[in-house]
Amino acid sequence: MLRLLLLHLWWLIPLVASSVASYGTQPKGANPTLYTPQDLVIQLDEFSFNDTVFCAFAQGQDCPAFLVEMYSDWCGHCRSFAPLYKALADDVAGWGGVVKVAAMNCADSINEKICRSLGVQYFPYIKYFGKNMTDDGQTAPLLRPYQTLAEMRDQLTKVVIDDYSVNRFPGWPVFEFMGEVVTYGDLWLGAPPSAQHMAIVFESSPTSLVGAQLLLDLHKYRDRLISRRCLRNHPLVEALHITDFPSLAIFKRGEKKPVLVAELRRLLLREVEDFLGGPPVKNEVQSSMQFSSRKNKTTVDCEKQPEVCRDRYYVSEVDMLKSMRYALYRETARTGTPLELANLTALHSFVTLLADHFPVVSEGDNMTYLDRSSRAVRVFSHLRDFIDKKGLDQQIPVDEWQKEFLKAEESVGHPFPVNAEWEHCKGTTGQYRGYTCGLWTTFHALTVSVYKHSAESATFNPLASLQAIRDWVGNFFGCMHCRDHFLRMTTQTFKMEAQVRNPEDVYLYLWKAHNIVNARLKGRDTEDPNFLKYQFPASFLCTNCTTESGSKVHVQEFLLDYYSRIRPFHDSASASLFDSLLAL
């Protein structure tokens, strides 16, 4: 009976399994996204990626190619790149019959497996998935996240042309340049009867992309307009007395003289559309670009209301634990490649630093025992011992590493507050702060802890912990642009080895480096309007502190106190266990 039921229902399986994303689709997941349903960027997730990009359930439909940005919502460069990517999607919206623009948030745990299978090495990671691609995207061309719309559009045009040159897809624009034409009728060979006009773009060089882009722009009119490209040495050029390149000529079927000849600019598209009388088909996308402006954002004036701003700044146990779990469980396994050689050594140094120096007490007005942090240290120690047992000359598959992490985490009662919200590191919206803030906070707290422990060692090396942090960033931090800036700063422009001499330099160097980063990012769109990129500590936090050398003592006192005074996971729980220990 069960077999009979399955036979009757087999045809429903594709309908249930299929999840094709389109404009306006809201992706699954818990993390904030850099795009909204109103943007012209199709948002993908673990469940919709294959069905959409590889057309798994096309059922005879003609599927386009896809340009997909794999990003991370916490990645600063991804955040700054997002407006340009939206602008690209808007600019090439008319190319939808050939290629569509999409994105997926790889920081969301729901997308971890698909991003790893796609070989995402860093963020943003942009790939062109050709029409009818069947190899799961392993050979998909990788595109660069350029900083101008023209560069992005040209780059996309090139990969589309390359895709066509290999596969000659029917229904796509014919990107080859026109060959010999003997009679006027030869121009119309192969044109559908419904096409009453033909647009010919005349270009001076075969490397020009202007004509190809116009062909893509006009592709939505393909049922009534044929588009072709033609080089300057073609007989038509002389016959039409064309001297400026690129130029456009539009012919009407049955007439030998063109009805329009004009020097070509991409803005001419609007004139061509007016000539054709508007779009012939229903527009798939009914939305407009909405760029946020800092002028419309409100922020507190910290000079006038220092007490409001002061309360927003503190070191949170939650923020540090959340960031460390993401760093060790997700970032280390992001690419799917085994941990070995330099990256295994870097990981070992970093978990050793965490095991030895991650703060387990808050040294505020009342010393408070940080129970979750203490249990997290046991996880860090377990991971260090796990690598030691394996050996630095061996290879550890990332799946095995993640399983070991989960086992250690479970054995000490899950100390990492996965479902808790960010506290100090919570941004005004989900597109600000978060993981990177927690990472910086942890680095600072670690270096302060290292300094405090330095008196216990006669052979203390202030560089060791900073080098462990730098090596971890260099091998695992996902934001490529941010990582490269950090490495360039710490190895060249503000070289770590040249700056660190004394024990206190272990935390002062990181403070100075962070202020260099703040100065570089100040005023950019990635700056949270309620957490501006002040030179830390700002005057509302320390009235006697400036970045001038004369106040070095005040800065040192402030940093040591600030990064030792950690707000526990549960304020109300206070320090019952630690108080009990003190009472013994």
Protein backbone atom coordinates (compact mmCIF):
# COMPACT_ATOMS: atom_id res chain seq x y z
CA MET A 1 0.00 0.00 0.00
CA LEU A 2 2.83 2.39 0.91
CA ARG A 3 4.55 1.61 -2.39
CA LEU A 4 1.35 2.40 -4.30
CA LEU A 5 1.02 5.70 -2.44
CA LEU A 6 4.60 6.66 -3.27
CA LEU A 7 4.06 5.84 -6.93
CA HIS A 8 1.03 8.11 -7.02
CA LEU A 9 2.88 10.96 -5.31
CA TRP A 10 6.29 10.79 -7.01
CA TRP A 11 5.44 13.67 -9.34
CA LEU A 12 4.94 15.97 -6.34
CA ILE A 13 8.52 15.58 -5.10
CA PRO A 14 10.12 18.16 -7.44
CA LEU A 15 7.43 20.67 -6.49
CA VAL A 16 8.13 20.22 -2.80
CA ALA A 17 11.93 20.20 -3.16
CA SER A 18 12.11 23.12 -5.56
CA SER A 19 12.86 26.55 -4.12
CA VAL A 20 13.58 29.03 -6.86
CA ALA A 21 14.41 32.56 -5.71
CA SER A 22 13.43 35.63 -7.66
CA TYR A 23 13.23 39.38 -7.16
CA GLY A 24 11.72 40.12 -3.76
CA THR A 25 12.39 36.65 -2.31
CA GLN A 26 13.25 36.84 1.38
CA PRO A 27 16.14 34.43 2.13
CA LYS A 28 16.00 32.02 5.06
CA GLY A 29 18.36 32.59 7.95
CA ALA A 30 18.81 34.50 11.18
CA ASN A 31 21.50 37.00 10.19
CA PRO A 32 20.80 40.46 8.79
CA THR A 33 21.37 40.81 5.05
CA LEU A 34 23.00 43.61 3.07
CA TYR A 35 20.15 43.61 0.56
CA THR A 36 16.39 43.99 0.85
CA PRO A 37 13.47 42.54 -1.13
CA GLN A 38 13.15 45.97 -2.77
CA ASP A 39 16.65 45.79 -4.28
CA LEU A 40 17.21 44.35 -7.74
CA VAL A 41 19.52 41.72 -6.25
CA ILE A 42 18.04 38.21 -6.00
CA GLN A 43 18.76 36.90 -2.50
CA LEU A 44 19.77 33.25 -2.31
CA ASP A 45 20.18 30.77 0.54
CA GLU A 46 21.08 27.12 1.11
CA PHE A 47 17.64 25.98 -0.07
CA SER A 48 17.31 28.12 -3.18
CA PHE A 49 20.86 28.33 -4.55
CA ASN A 50 20.98 25.15 -6.64
CA ASP A 51 17.39 25.35 -7.83
CA THR A 52 17.87 28.95 -8.92
CA VAL A 53 21.44 29.13 -10.24
CA PHE A 54 21.68 25.63 -11.71
CA CYS A 55 18.04 25.53 -12.81
CA ALA A 56 17.47 22.20 -11.07
CA PHE A 57 13.70 22.40 -11.55
CA ALA A 58 13.46 24.52 -14.68
CA GLN A 59 10.93 22.13 -16.29
CA GLY A 60 11.73 23.34 -19.79
CA GLN A 61 12.10 27.00 -18.92
CA ASP A 62 14.99 28.95 -20.39
CA CYS A 63 17.27 29.82 -17.48
CA PRO A 64 19.78 32.70 -17.52
CA ALA A 65 23.33 32.90 -16.25
CA PHE A 66 23.88 34.33 -12.76
CA LEU A 67 26.35 36.73 -11.21
CA VAL A 68 26.46 35.86 -7.50
CA GLU A 69 28.17 37.73 -4.70
CA MET A 70 28.96 35.58 -1.67
CA TYR A 71 29.35 38.02 1.20
CA SER A 72 29.39 38.22 4.96
CA ASP A 73 27.12 40.71 6.71
CA TRP A 74 29.85 41.61 9.23
CA CYS A 75 32.50 42.22 6.54
CA GLY A 76 33.32 45.93 6.34
CA HIS A 77 34.32 45.80 2.69
CA CYS A 78 31.13 43.88 1.82
CA ARG A 79 29.11 46.62 3.52
CA SER A 80 30.87 49.37 1.59
CA PHE A 81 30.61 47.38 -1.67
CA ALA A 82 26.87 46.69 -1.32
CA PRO A 83 25.64 50.07 -2.72
CA LEU A 84 27.80 49.58 -5.82
CA TYR A 85 26.53 46.02 -6.27
CA LYS A 86 22.95 47.32 -5.99
CA ALA A 87 23.75 49.96 -8.59
CA LEU A 88 25.15 47.27 -10.91
CA ALA A 89 21.99 45.20 -10.49
CA ASP A 90 19.89 48.25 -11.34
CA ASP A 91 22.12 49.15 -14.30
CA VAL A 92 21.92 45.70 -15.91
CA ALA A 93 18.32 44.89 -14.94
CA GLY A 94 17.48 44.85 -18.65
CA TRP A 95 19.95 41.99 -19.15
CA GLY A 96 17.74 39.63 -17.12
CA GLY A 97 17.04 37.35 -20.09
CA VAL A 98 20.77 36.64 -20.28
CA VAL A 99 22.19 37.16 -16.78
CA LYS A 100 20.74 38.05 -13.39
CA VAL A 101 22.45 39.53 -10.34
CA ALA A 102 22.18 37.68 -7.01
CA ALA A 103 23.82 37.47 -3.58
CA MET A 104 24.07 35.13 -0.59
CA ASN A 105 25.09 35.80 3.01
CA CYS A 106 27.76 33.24 3.91
CA ALA A 107 27.95 34.52 7.49
CA ASP A 108 24.58 32.95 8.18
CA SER A 109 25.05 29.44 9.56
CA ILE A 110 22.22 28.18 7.33
CA ASN A 111 24.43 28.85 4.29
CA GLU A 112 27.70 27.46 5.67
CA LYS A 113 27.68 24.20 3.67
CA ILE A 114 26.77 25.69 0.31
CA CYS A 115 29.37 28.47 0.68
CA ARG A 116 32.03 25.93 1.57
CA SER A 117 31.09 23.73 -1.40
CA LEU A 118 31.50 26.77 -3.66
CA GLY A 119 35.05 27.25 -2.39
CA VAL A 120 34.50 30.71 -0.93
CA GLN A 121 37.96 31.89 0.11
CA TYR A 122 37.17 35.42 1.32
CA PHE A 123 34.52 38.15 1.17
CA PRO A 124 33.17 39.52 -1.04
CA TYR A 125 33.58 36.52 -3.37
CA ILE A 126 31.91 37.06 -6.75
CA LYS A 127 31.37 34.32 -9.29
CA TYR A 128 29.74 34.13 -12.71
CA PHE A 129 27.69 30.94 -13.09
CA GLY A 130 27.19 30.37 -16.78
CA LYS A 131 23.93 29.34 -18.36
CA ASN A 132 23.34 25.58 -18.02
CA MET A 133 26.43 25.12 -15.84
CA THR A 134 26.42 21.59 -14.44
CA ASP A 135 29.68 21.24 -12.48
CA ASP A 136 28.39 22.84 -9.28
CA GLY A 137 30.24 26.02 -10.11
CA GLN A 138 33.78 24.75 -9.51
CA THR A 139 34.93 26.22 -12.84
CA ALA A 140 32.83 29.37 -12.56
CA PRO A 141 34.93 32.48 -13.32
CA LEU A 142 35.84 34.63 -10.33
CA LEU A 143 35.23 38.37 -10.64
CA ARG A 144 36.89 41.20 -8.74
CA PRO A 145 34.90 43.62 -6.55
CA TYR A 146 35.91 46.77 -8.44
CA GLN A 147 35.09 50.18 -7.03
CA THR A 148 33.33 51.71 -10.04
CA LEU A 149 30.14 50.79 -11.83
CA ALA A 150 31.83 50.96 -15.26
CA GLU A 151 34.52 48.45 -14.22
CA MET A 152 31.95 46.05 -12.80
CA ARG A 153 29.74 46.33 -15.88
CA ASP A 154 32.69 45.77 -18.25
CA GLN A 155 33.87 42.77 -16.24
CA LEU A 156 30.41 41.20 -16.35
CA THR A 157 30.14 41.89 -20.10
CA LYS A 158 33.40 40.06 -20.77
CA VAL A 159 32.39 36.87 -18.97
CA VAL A 160 28.98 36.90 -20.69
CA ILE A 161 30.68 37.19 -24.10
CA ASP A 162 33.12 34.41 -23.16
CA ASP A 163 30.20 32.20 -22.14
CA TYR A 164 28.46 32.87 -25.45
CA SER A 165 31.61 32.31 -27.53
CA VAL A 166 31.89 28.75 -26.17
CA ASN A 167 28.21 27.77 -26.09
CA ARG A 168 26.41 29.90 -28.71
CA PHE A 169 23.18 29.90 -26.74
CA PRO A 170 20.07 30.30 -28.90
CA GLY A 171 18.02 33.26 -27.77
CA TRP A 172 21.05 35.24 -26.60
CA PRO A 173 22.31 38.34 -28.44
CA VAL A 174 24.62 37.50 -31.35
CA PHE A 175 27.90 39.00 -30.15
CA GLU A 176 29.94 38.11 -33.27
CA PHE A 177 30.64 40.96 -35.65
CA MET A 178 28.71 40.93 -38.91
CA GLY A 179 30.25 39.13 -41.83
CA GLU A 180 29.93 39.86 -45.51
CA VAL A 181 26.56 41.18 -46.67
CA VAL A 182 25.82 41.01 -50.42
CA THR A 183 22.25 42.25 -50.53
CA TYR A 184 19.99 44.20 -48.21
CA GLY A 185 17.99 41.03 -47.63
CA ASP A 186 21.06 39.32 -46.19
CA LEU A 187 20.79 41.61 -43.16
CA TRP A 188 17.52 39.98 -42.18
CA LEU A 189 18.48 36.33 -42.57
CA GLY A 190 17.34 34.39 -39.50
CA ALA A 191 15.34 37.29 -38.07
CA PRO A 192 11.92 36.34 -36.64
CA PRO A 193 8.94 37.68 -38.61
CA SER A 194 7.87 39.77 -35.61
CA ALA A 195 11.12 41.79 -35.72
CA GLN A 196 10.40 44.95 -37.68
CA HIS A 197 13.58 46.82 -36.76
CA MET A 198 17.29 46.09 -36.69
CA ALA A 199 19.91 47.94 -34.64
CA ILE A 200 23.52 47.78 -35.84
CA VAL A 201 26.34 49.03 -33.64
CA PHE A 202 29.46 50.15 -35.52
CA GLU A 203 32.69 49.90 -33.49
CA SER A 204 36.28 50.74 -34.25
CA SER A 205 37.88 47.88 -32.28
CA PRO A 206 36.92 44.24 -31.67
CA THR A 207 37.83 44.77 -27.99
CA SER A 208 35.17 47.44 -27.51
CA LEU A 209 32.42 46.49 -25.07
CA VAL A 210 30.00 49.34 -25.80
CA GLY A 211 28.23 47.51 -28.60
CA ALA A 212 27.90 44.28 -26.63
CA GLN A 213 26.42 46.20 -23.71
CA LEU A 214 23.88 47.88 -25.97
CA LEU A 215 22.93 44.50 -27.40
CA LEU A 216 22.33 43.28 -23.85
CA ASP A 217 20.32 46.41 -23.03
CA LEU A 218 18.13 45.86 -26.09
CA HIS A 219 17.73 42.13 -25.56
CA LYS A 220 14.33 42.57 -23.91
CA TYR A 221 13.05 43.89 -27.28
CA ARG A 222 14.27 40.81 -29.14
CA ASP A 223 10.81 39.85 -30.42
CA ARG A 224 10.64 43.04 -32.48
CA LEU A 225 14.22 44.33 -32.68
CA ILE A 226 17.30 42.47 -33.99
CA SER A 227 20.67 43.75 -32.74
CA ARG A 228 24.05 43.25 -34.43
CA ARG A 229 27.67 44.42 -34.07
CA CYS A 230 29.77 45.64 -37.00
CA LEU A 231 33.43 46.71 -37.29
CA ARG A 232 34.58 49.91 -38.98
CA ASN A 233 36.09 48.10 -41.98
CA HIS A 234 32.72 46.70 -43.04
CA PRO A 235 31.26 47.99 -46.38
CA LEU A 236 28.17 49.26 -44.52
CA VAL A 237 30.32 51.86 -42.78
CA GLU A 238 31.28 53.51 -46.04
CA ALA A 239 27.78 53.12 -47.49
CA LEU A 240 26.25 54.94 -44.50
CA HIS A 241 29.09 57.54 -44.31
CA ILE A 242 29.79 56.72 -40.68
CA THR A 243 32.90 58.46 -39.34
CA ASP A 244 32.37 58.45 -35.58
CA PHE A 245 32.72 55.29 -33.51
CA PRO A 246 30.89 53.78 -31.85
CA SER A 247 27.72 54.67 -33.77
CA LEU A 248 24.27 53.17 -34.04
CA ALA A 249 22.02 52.71 -37.07
CA ILE A 250 18.44 51.45 -36.90
CA PHE A 251 16.80 49.96 -39.98
CA LYS A 252 13.12 49.23 -40.54
CA ARG A 253 12.21 46.04 -42.37
CA GLY A 254 11.59 46.75 -46.04
CA GLU A 255 13.48 50.07 -46.04
CA LYS A 256 17.10 50.32 -47.23
CA LYS A 257 17.83 53.66 -45.58
CA PRO A 258 18.22 53.67 -41.81
CA VAL A 259 15.55 55.49 -39.83
CA LEU A 260 18.10 56.55 -37.20
CA VAL A 261 21.88 57.06 -37.27
CA ALA A 262 23.60 58.50 -34.22
CA GLU A 263 26.91 58.56 -32.41
CA LEU A 264 26.57 55.99 -29.69
CA ARG A 265 26.56 56.74 -26.02
CA ARG A 266 25.17 54.34 -23.49
CA LEU A 267 22.68 57.02 -22.47
CA LEU A 268 21.27 56.74 -25.97
CA LEU A 269 19.40 53.66 -24.75
CA ARG A 270 16.64 55.90 -23.42
CA GLU A 271 16.27 57.49 -26.85
CA VAL A 272 16.10 54.06 -28.49
CA GLU A 273 13.45 52.95 -26.04
CA ASP A 274 11.45 56.10 -26.80
CA PHE A 275 11.80 55.33 -30.50
CA LEU A 276 10.49 51.81 -29.95
CA GLY A 277 7.60 53.07 -27.87
CA GLY A 278 8.56 51.62 -24.49
CA PRO A 279 9.06 48.08 -23.19
CA PRO A 280 7.20 45.39 -25.16
CA VAL A 281 6.99 42.99 -22.25
CA LYS A 282 5.92 43.22 -18.64
CA ASN A 283 8.72 44.53 -16.49
CA GLU A 284 9.81 41.81 -14.06
CA VAL A 285 11.04 44.29 -11.52
CA GLN A 286 8.92 47.10 -10.15
CA SER A 287 11.29 48.87 -7.82
CA SER A 288 13.78 51.69 -7.67
CA MET A 289 17.13 52.11 -6.04
CA GLN A 290 17.08 53.50 -2.50
CA PHE A 291 20.46 54.62 -1.28
CA SER A 292 20.76 55.50 2.36
CA SER A 293 22.21 58.85 3.20
CA ARG A 294 24.06 59.73 6.36
CA LYS A 295 22.23 63.05 6.35
CA ASN A 296 19.04 61.21 7.21
CA LYS A 297 20.55 59.34 10.14
CA THR A 298 20.42 60.68 13.65
CA THR A 299 23.08 60.33 16.29
CA VAL A 300 23.65 61.56 19.81
CA ASP A 301 25.95 64.55 20.25
CA CYS A 302 28.48 63.05 22.64
CA GLU A 303 29.92 66.47 23.49
CA LYS A 304 26.54 67.61 24.80
CA GLN A 305 25.39 64.28 26.22
CA PRO A 306 28.57 62.50 27.34
CA GLU A 307 26.72 60.35 29.88
CA VAL A 308 24.54 58.81 27.14
CA CYS A 309 27.55 57.90 25.02
CA ARG A 310 29.60 56.75 27.99
CA ASP A 311 27.02 54.13 28.93
CA ARG A 312 27.24 52.58 25.47
CA TYR A 313 30.91 51.72 25.85
CA TYR A 314 31.94 48.68 27.87
CA VAL A 315 33.57 45.29 27.43
CA SER A 316 30.99 42.53 27.21
CA GLU A 317 31.61 38.88 28.03
CA VAL A 318 28.81 38.03 25.58
CA ASP A 319 30.50 39.91 22.73
CA MET A 320 33.85 38.22 23.30
CA LEU A 321 32.41 34.72 23.57
CA LYS A 322 30.18 35.11 20.52
CA SER A 323 33.05 36.39 18.40
CA MET A 324 35.43 33.63 19.55
CA ARG A 325 32.96 30.89 18.75
CA TYR A 326 32.43 32.28 15.27
CA ALA A 327 36.18 32.72 14.78
CA LEU A 328 37.11 29.19 15.83
CA TYR A 329 34.12 27.24 14.57
CA ARG A 330 33.13 29.09 11.40
CA GLU A 331 36.06 31.16 10.13
CA THR A 332 38.62 28.37 10.45
CA ALA A 333 36.43 26.01 8.40
CA ARG A 334 35.08 28.54 5.88
CA THR A 335 37.01 27.37 2.82
CA GLY A 336 36.63 23.65 3.54
CA THR A 337 40.35 23.06 2.98
CA PRO A 338 42.23 21.02 5.62
CA LEU A 339 44.09 22.75 8.43
CA GLU A 340 47.78 22.24 7.80
CA LEU A 341 51.19 23.91 7.64
CA ALA A 342 51.02 27.69 8.21
CA ASN A 343 47.31 27.90 8.96
CA LEU A 344 47.44 25.04 11.48
CA THR A 345 50.41 26.67 13.20
CA ALA A 346 48.56 29.99 13.28
CA LEU A 347 45.46 28.32 14.73
CA HIS A 348 47.52 26.54 17.38
CA SER A 349 49.19 29.80 18.44
CA PHE A 350 45.83 31.56 18.66
CA VAL A 351 44.02 28.90 20.74
CA THR A 352 47.09 28.77 22.98
CA LEU A 353 46.80 32.52 23.50
CA LEU A 354 43.11 32.09 24.33
CA ALA A 355 43.74 29.17 26.67
CA ASP A 356 46.43 31.06 28.58
CA HIS A 357 45.07 34.59 28.64
CA PHE A 358 41.32 34.81 27.93
CA PRO A 359 39.95 36.79 30.91
CA VAL A 360 38.00 34.75 33.47
CA VAL A 361 37.43 37.53 36.00
CA SER A 362 36.10 41.06 35.74
CA GLU A 363 38.25 43.42 37.78
CA GLY A 364 35.80 46.26 38.24
CA ASP A 365 34.65 47.79 41.52
CA ASN A 366 33.94 44.25 42.71
CA MET A 367 35.93 41.37 41.31
CA THR A 368 33.53 39.11 39.45
CA TYR A 369 34.04 35.53 38.36
CA LEU A 370 33.12 34.98 34.70
CA ASP A 371 31.76 31.46 34.75
CA ARG A 372 31.07 31.17 31.01
CA SER A 373 34.50 32.53 30.13
CA SER A 374 36.12 30.07 32.51
CA ARG A 375 34.33 27.20 30.79
CA ALA A 376 35.26 28.63 27.39
CA VAL A 377 38.93 28.54 28.43
CA ARG A 378 38.54 24.81 28.97
CA VAL A 379 37.31 24.57 25.36
CA PHE A 380 40.33 26.55 24.16
CA SER A 381 42.66 24.32 26.18
CA HIS A 382 41.02 21.21 24.78
CA LEU A 383 41.49 22.47 21.22
CA ARG A 384 45.13 23.31 21.85
CA ASP A 385 45.72 19.82 23.27
CA PHE A 386 43.86 18.31 20.30
CA ILE A 387 46.26 20.00 17.86
CA ASP A 388 49.26 19.00 19.99
CA LYS A 389 48.12 15.38 19.93
CA LYS A 390 47.64 15.47 16.16
CA GLY A 391 50.96 17.22 15.59
CA LEU A 392 51.68 20.43 13.69
CA ASP A 393 53.17 18.41 10.85
CA GLN A 394 49.85 16.66 10.24
CA GLN A 395 46.65 17.62 8.44
CA ILE A 396 43.29 18.15 10.19
CA PRO A 397 40.13 18.06 8.02
CA VAL A 398 37.83 20.96 8.89
CA ASP A 399 34.93 18.59 9.57
CA GLU A 400 37.03 16.83 12.19
CA TRP A 401 38.02 20.19 13.69
CA GLN A 402 34.41 21.30 13.95
CA LYS A 403 33.34 18.01 15.50
CA GLU A 404 36.10 18.35 18.10
CA PHE A 405 34.95 21.90 18.86
CA LEU A 406 31.34 20.80 19.34
CA LYS A 407 32.44 17.91 21.57
CA ALA A 408 34.55 20.23 23.75
CA GLU A 409 31.77 22.80 23.86
CA GLU A 410 29.22 20.22 24.97
CA SER A 411 31.53 18.70 27.59
CA VAL A 412 31.67 21.99 29.52
CA GLY A 413 28.01 22.90 29.23
CA HIS A 414 27.90 25.13 26.12
CA PRO A 415 29.57 28.30 27.43
CA PHE A 416 29.17 30.31 24.21
CA PRO A 417 25.93 32.36 24.15
CA VAL A 418 25.03 31.54 20.54
CA ASN A 419 21.47 32.88 20.70
CA ALA A 420 22.19 35.97 22.77
CA GLU A 421 22.25 39.35 21.05
CA TRP A 422 25.39 41.42 20.78
CA GLU A 423 25.62 43.86 23.70
CA HIS A 424 28.16 46.69 23.34
CA CYS A 425 28.81 45.44 19.80
CA LYS A 426 25.17 45.58 18.76
CA GLY A 427 24.88 48.07 15.92
CA THR A 428 22.16 50.62 15.25
CA THR A 429 21.01 48.13 12.59
CA GLY A 430 22.15 44.63 11.75
CA GLN A 431 24.50 45.97 9.06
CA TYR A 432 26.80 47.60 11.64
CA ARG A 433 29.35 46.32 14.16
CA GLY A 434 28.73 42.77 15.47
CA TYR A 435 31.47 40.20 14.89
CA THR A 436 34.29 42.56 13.94
CA CYS A 437 33.61 44.69 17.02
CA GLY A 438 33.67 41.58 19.20
CA LEU A 439 36.91 40.47 17.57
CA TRP A 440 38.69 43.78 18.23
CA THR A 441 37.35 43.81 21.81
CA THR A 442 38.73 40.32 22.43
CA PHE A 443 42.11 41.20 20.95
CA HIS A 444 42.39 44.22 23.26
CA ALA A 445 41.27 42.26 26.34
CA LEU A 446 43.76 39.49 25.52
CA THR A 447 46.72 41.88 25.22
CA VAL A 448 45.81 43.57 28.51
CA SER A 449 45.57 40.14 30.15
CA VAL A 450 48.93 39.16 28.64
CA TYR A 451 50.51 42.31 30.05
CA LYS A 452 49.17 41.59 33.53
CA HIS A 453 50.62 38.10 33.39
CA SER A 454 53.98 39.36 32.12
CA ALA A 455 55.29 39.96 35.62
CA GLU A 456 55.03 36.22 36.22
CA SER A 457 57.54 35.46 33.45
CA ALA A 458 61.19 36.44 33.46
CA THR A 459 61.43 35.74 29.73
CA PHE A 460 58.26 37.59 28.65
CA ASN A 461 58.12 38.33 24.92
CA PRO A 462 55.60 41.15 24.21
CA LEU A 463 55.59 40.34 20.48
CA ALA A 464 54.43 36.72 20.76
CA SER A 465 50.75 37.38 21.48
CA LEU A 466 50.51 40.16 18.87
CA GLN A 467 52.08 37.89 16.27
CA ALA A 468 49.56 35.16 17.17
CA ILE A 469 46.73 37.62 16.56
CA ARG A 470 48.24 38.81 13.27
CA ASP A 471 48.81 35.24 12.05
CA TRP A 472 45.23 34.30 12.84
CA VAL A 473 43.91 37.34 10.93
CA GLY A 474 46.22 36.61 7.99
CA ASN A 475 45.18 32.97 7.72
CA PHE A 476 41.50 33.01 8.63
CA PHE A 477 39.81 36.42 8.67
CA GLY A 478 37.24 36.37 5.87
CA CYS A 479 37.06 40.02 4.81
CA MET A 480 39.85 40.13 2.22
CA HIS A 481 40.07 43.93 1.98
CA CYS A 482 40.11 44.36 5.78
CA ARG A 483 42.63 41.55 6.23
CA ASP A 484 45.00 42.97 3.63
CA HIS A 485 44.86 46.42 5.24
CA PHE A 486 45.60 44.92 8.67
CA LEU A 487 48.53 42.88 7.39
CA ARG A 488 49.96 45.80 5.43
CA MET A 489 49.74 48.02 8.51
CA THR A 490 51.26 45.53 10.95
CA THR A 491 54.08 44.46 8.62
CA GLN A 492 54.88 47.68 6.73
CA THR A 493 53.32 51.06 7.53
CA PHE A 494 53.18 50.50 11.31
CA LYS A 495 55.42 47.50 11.62
CA MET A 496 54.74 45.51 14.74
CA GLU A 497 58.32 44.31 15.18
CA ALA A 498 59.63 47.89 15.06
CA GLN A 499 57.12 49.27 17.57
CA VAL A 500 57.00 46.67 20.33
CA ARG A 501 59.87 46.71 22.79
CA ASN A 502 58.52 46.97 26.34
CA PRO A 503 55.91 44.87 28.18
CA GLU A 504 53.25 47.62 28.01
CA ASP A 505 53.68 47.84 24.23
CA VAL A 506 51.75 44.57 23.94
CA TYR A 507 48.46 46.43 24.53
CA LEU A 508 49.54 49.96 23.52
CA TYR A 509 50.51 48.80 20.03
CA LEU A 510 47.07 47.31 19.39
CA TRP A 511 45.44 50.50 20.73
CA LYS A 512 47.46 52.64 18.31
CA ALA A 513 46.81 50.26 15.41
CA HIS A 514 43.07 50.28 16.07
CA ASN A 515 43.05 54.09 16.03
CA ILE A 516 44.82 54.02 12.66
CA VAL A 517 41.99 51.84 11.36
CA ASN A 518 39.38 54.15 12.91
CA ALA A 519 40.94 57.16 11.20
CA ARG A 520 40.86 55.36 7.84
CA LEU A 521 37.20 54.35 8.18
CA LYS A 522 35.87 57.55 9.72
CA GLY A 523 33.06 59.13 7.72
CA ARG A 524 32.43 56.12 5.49
CA ASP A 525 29.01 54.53 5.00
CA THR A 526 30.09 51.58 7.13
CA GLU A 527 30.42 53.86 10.17
CA ASP A 528 27.60 53.30 12.67
CA PRO A 529 25.98 56.71 13.28
CA ASN A 530 25.69 55.92 17.00
CA PHE A 531 29.26 54.59 17.31
CA LEU A 532 31.40 57.01 15.34
CA LYS A 533 35.03 56.18 14.63
CA TYR A 534 36.50 58.28 17.43
CA GLN A 535 40.15 58.21 18.31
CA PHE A 536 39.80 55.92 21.30
CA PRO A 537 39.31 56.71 24.11
CA ALA A 538 37.08 59.66 23.25
CA SER A 539 36.88 62.58 25.66
CA PHE A 540 33.52 61.45 27.05
CA LEU A 541 35.22 58.24 28.22
CA CYS A 542 38.46 59.73 29.52
CA THR A 543 38.71 63.48 29.95
CA ASN A 544 42.47 63.34 30.52
CA CYS A 545 43.20 61.07 27.57
CA THR A 546 44.27 62.17 24.12
CA THR A 547 46.47 60.55 21.52
CA GLU A 548 49.32 62.94 22.46
CA SER A 549 52.34 61.35 24.08
CA GLY A 550 52.01 63.61 27.12
CA SER A 551 48.95 61.71 28.32
CA LYS A 552 50.43 58.25 27.92
CA VAL A 553 50.04 57.52 31.63
CA HIS A 554 46.32 58.40 31.54
CA VAL A 555 45.77 56.30 28.44
CA GLN A 556 47.54 53.32 29.98
CA GLU A 557 45.49 53.57 33.17
CA PHE A 558 42.28 53.84 31.17
CA LEU A 559 43.02 50.90 28.84
CA LEU A 560 44.06 48.62 31.69
CA ASP A 561 40.90 49.43 33.61
CA TYR A 562 38.51 49.42 30.61
CA TYR A 563 39.58 46.02 29.24
CA SER A 564 39.67 44.44 32.69
CA ARG A 565 36.21 45.66 33.70
CA ILE A 566 34.10 43.07 31.83
CA ARG A 567 30.32 43.00 32.00
CA PRO A 568 29.32 39.39 32.81
CA PHE A 569 26.83 37.37 30.80
CA HIS A 570 24.28 37.75 33.60
CA ASP A 571 24.67 40.96 35.54
CA SER A 572 22.14 39.82 38.14
CA ALA A 573 24.04 36.56 38.74
CA SER A 574 27.02 38.65 39.88
CA ALA A 575 29.86 36.62 41.38
CA SER A 576 28.33 34.07 43.68
CA LEU A 577 30.88 31.35 42.91
CA PHE A 578 33.84 33.71 43.03
CA ASP A 579 32.57 35.30 46.26
CA SER A 580 32.30 31.84 47.77
CA LEU A 581 35.90 31.13 46.85
CA LEU A 582 37.01 34.40 48.45
CA ALA A 583 35.15 33.52 51.62
CA LEU A 584 37.09 30.27 52.06
